[in-house]
Amino acid sequence: MSPVDPEEGHRIGVRLDELLEERGMTLTELADRVGVTIVNLSILKNGRAKAVRFSTLTAICDALGCDVGDVLYLSEG
């Protein structure tokens, strides 16, 4: 799982690495399918995003064939 930094003020984590690996997909391919820059997806993937648009999250879920809860999780810490 991606690390969650408690100093960021939230406990939301992102599982893009795991989902991409399970599907044999690269971040570049996901960026092309979603219509978002690799830089922005990388920021999200590394847990540094301050926000994500619902339309972007929907497109990520569509491209990966998953639900929002597969992409985002709430850390216990």
Protein backbone atom coordinates (compact mmCIF):
# COMPACT_ATOMS: atom_id res chain seq x y z
CA MET A 1 0.00 0.00 0.00
CA SER A 2 1.07 3.55 -0.65
CA PRO A 3 2.28 5.35 2.46
CA VAL A 4 0.06 7.93 4.11
CA ASP A 5 1.78 10.94 5.65
CA PRO A 6 -0.13 12.00 8.79
CA GLU A 7 1.43 15.46 8.51
CA GLU A 8 -0.62 16.04 5.36
CA GLY A 9 -3.75 16.33 7.52
CA HIS A 10 -5.62 13.40 6.03
CA ARG A 11 -5.61 9.62 6.08
CA ILE A 12 -6.59 8.94 2.47
CA GLY A 13 -4.30 6.58 0.59
CA VAL A 14 -4.13 5.69 -3.10
CA ARG A 15 -3.68 2.20 -4.54
CA LEU A 16 -2.81 3.07 -8.15
CA ASP A 17 0.49 1.14 -8.05
CA GLU A 18 -1.23 -2.09 -7.07
CA LEU A 19 -4.07 -1.66 -9.57
CA LEU A 20 -1.71 -0.88 -12.44
CA GLU A 21 0.48 -3.87 -11.62
CA GLU A 22 -2.52 -6.22 -11.38
CA ARG A 23 -3.66 -5.09 -14.83
CA GLY A 24 -0.24 -5.00 -16.45
CA MET A 25 -0.76 -1.34 -17.28
CA THR A 26 1.74 1.51 -17.15
CA LEU A 27 1.08 4.96 -15.75
CA THR A 28 1.61 6.32 -19.26
CA GLU A 29 -1.11 4.05 -20.65
CA LEU A 30 -3.50 5.04 -17.86
CA ALA A 31 -2.77 8.73 -18.47
CA ASP A 32 -3.59 8.28 -22.17
CA ARG A 33 -6.84 6.45 -21.39
CA VAL A 34 -7.93 8.95 -18.74
CA GLY A 35 -6.82 12.12 -20.54
CA VAL A 36 -4.70 13.38 -17.63
CA THR A 37 -1.00 14.19 -17.68
CA ILE A 38 1.46 11.64 -16.36
CA VAL A 39 2.68 14.27 -13.90
CA ASN A 40 -0.79 14.72 -12.39
CA LEU A 41 -1.36 10.96 -12.17
CA SER A 42 2.06 10.55 -10.58
CA ILE A 43 1.18 13.15 -7.94
CA LEU A 44 -2.02 11.23 -7.19
CA LYS A 45 -0.26 7.85 -7.24
CA ASN A 46 2.38 9.03 -4.78
CA GLY A 47 -0.21 10.38 -2.35
CA ARG A 48 0.77 14.02 -2.82
CA ALA A 49 -2.47 15.23 -4.43
CA LYS A 50 -4.50 17.71 -2.39
CA ALA A 51 -7.66 16.96 -4.38
CA VAL A 52 -8.98 14.90 -7.27
CA ARG A 53 -11.90 15.75 -9.54
CA PHE A 54 -14.78 13.31 -9.51
CA SER A 55 -14.60 13.21 -13.31
CA THR A 56 -10.93 12.17 -13.13
CA LEU A 57 -11.66 9.55 -10.50
CA THR A 58 -14.53 8.22 -12.60
CA ALA A 59 -12.28 8.02 -15.68
CA ILE A 60 -9.59 6.19 -13.66
CA CYS A 61 -12.15 3.68 -12.41
CA ASP A 62 -13.51 3.18 -15.94
CA ALA A 63 -10.02 2.66 -17.37
CA LEU A 64 -9.03 0.22 -14.62
CA GLY A 65 -12.40 -1.54 -14.40
CA CYS A 66 -12.71 -0.90 -10.67
CA ASP A 67 -14.62 1.04 -8.04
CA VAL A 68 -13.58 4.17 -6.15
CA GLY A 69 -12.93 2.06 -3.05
CA ASP A 70 -10.36 0.07 -5.02
CA VAL A 71 -8.41 3.25 -5.81
CA LEU A 72 -8.76 5.14 -2.52
CA TYR A 73 -8.70 3.86 1.06
CA LEU A 74 -8.89 5.29 4.55
CA SER A 75 -5.82 4.53 6.65
CA GLU A 76 -6.24 3.45 10.26
CA GLY A 77 -3.25 5.52 11.40
